[in-house]
Amino acid sequence: MGSSESRNTLDFRELSELDRQHGLPDHTRRLIEACWDLDAAYPDRLLTR
């Protein structure tokens, strides 16, 4: 993830996409958000999407 793709840009757009997935369970959404947080905390171990 590049410096321009911070939590406030790319992830915000992806979160908006999650909002459009009406059947997405809340626990799945929280898991995805936790993965994004871990990406930021451990940049040397980025998860592939």
C-alpha atoms as a PDB file:
ATOM      1  CA  MET A   1       0.000   0.000   0.000  1.00  0.00           C
ATOM      2  CA  GLY A   2       1.484   3.330  -1.049  1.00  0.00           C
ATOM      3  CA  SER A   3       1.661   6.419   1.088  1.00  0.00           C
ATOM      4  CA  SER A   4      -1.238   7.982  -0.830  1.00  0.00           C
ATOM      5  CA  GLU A   5      -3.387   4.965  -0.055  1.00  0.00           C
ATOM      6  CA  SER A   6      -3.805   5.629   3.644  1.00  0.00           C
ATOM      7  CA  ARG A   7      -6.581   4.555   5.976  1.00  0.00           C
ATOM      8  CA  ASN A   8      -8.478   7.691   4.965  1.00  0.00           C
ATOM      9  CA  THR A   9      -8.449   7.090   1.193  1.00  0.00           C
ATOM     10  CA  LEU A  10      -8.268   3.575  -0.213  1.00  0.00           C
ATOM     11  CA  ASP A  11      -9.677   1.822   2.844  1.00  0.00           C
ATOM     12  CA  PHE A  12     -12.474   4.379   3.118  1.00  0.00           C
ATOM     13  CA  ARG A  13     -13.491   3.594  -0.465  1.00  0.00           C
ATOM     14  CA  GLU A  14     -13.308  -0.133   0.246  1.00  0.00           C
ATOM     15  CA  LEU A  15     -15.414   0.347   3.369  1.00  0.00           C
ATOM     16  CA  SER A  16     -17.993   2.164   1.257  1.00  0.00           C
ATOM     17  CA  GLU A  17     -18.031  -0.875  -1.029  1.00  0.00           C
ATOM     18  CA  LEU A  18     -18.641  -3.111   2.002  1.00  0.00           C
ATOM     19  CA  ASP A  19     -21.620  -0.927   2.904  1.00  0.00           C
ATOM     20  CA  ARG A  20     -23.191  -1.802  -0.452  1.00  0.00           C
ATOM     21  CA  GLN A  21     -22.961  -5.534   0.315  1.00  0.00           C
ATOM     22  CA  HIS A  22     -26.308  -5.903   2.067  1.00  0.00           C
ATOM     23  CA  GLY A  23     -25.904  -9.574   2.977  1.00  0.00           C
ATOM     24  CA  LEU A  24     -22.479  -9.163   4.566  1.00  0.00           C
ATOM     25  CA  PRO A  25     -22.649 -10.315   8.206  1.00  0.00           C
ATOM     26  CA  ASP A  26     -21.392  -7.879  10.831  1.00  0.00           C
ATOM     27  CA  HIS A  27     -18.707 -10.292  12.086  1.00  0.00           C
ATOM     28  CA  THR A  28     -17.316 -10.591   8.537  1.00  0.00           C
ATOM     29  CA  ARG A  29     -17.173  -6.827   8.196  1.00  0.00           C
ATOM     30  CA  ARG A  30     -15.351  -6.525  11.540  1.00  0.00           C
ATOM     31  CA  LEU A  31     -12.853  -9.194  10.457  1.00  0.00           C
ATOM     32  CA  ILE A  32     -12.085  -7.289   7.242  1.00  0.00           C
ATOM     33  CA  GLU A  33     -11.634  -4.046   9.197  1.00  0.00           C
ATOM     34  CA  ALA A  34      -9.304  -5.823  11.654  1.00  0.00           C
ATOM     35  CA  CYS A  35      -7.183  -7.041   8.734  1.00  0.00           C
ATOM     36  CA  TRP A  36      -6.890  -3.467   7.455  1.00  0.00           C
ATOM     37  CA  ASP A  37      -5.801  -2.312  10.908  1.00  0.00           C
ATOM     38  CA  LEU A  38      -3.176  -5.063  11.026  1.00  0.00           C
ATOM     39  CA  ASP A  39      -1.897  -4.002   7.596  1.00  0.00           C
ATOM     40  CA  ALA A  40      -1.185  -0.553   9.034  1.00  0.00           C
ATOM     41  CA  ALA A  41       0.393  -1.941  12.210  1.00  0.00           C
ATOM     42  CA  TYR A  42       2.660  -4.423  10.387  1.00  0.00           C
ATOM     43  CA  PRO A  43       3.602  -2.892   7.004  1.00  0.00           C
ATOM     44  CA  ASP A  44       6.279  -5.550   6.439  1.00  0.00           C
ATOM     45  CA  ARG A  45       3.593  -8.269   6.575  1.00  0.00           C
ATOM     46  CA  LEU A  46       0.856  -6.862   4.366  1.00  0.00           C
ATOM     47  CA  LEU A  47      -2.091  -9.136   3.718  1.00  0.00           C
ATOM     48  CA  THR A  48      -3.016  -9.747   0.103  1.00  0.00           C
ATOM     49  CA  ARG A  49      -6.519  -8.767  -0.888  1.00  0.00           C
END
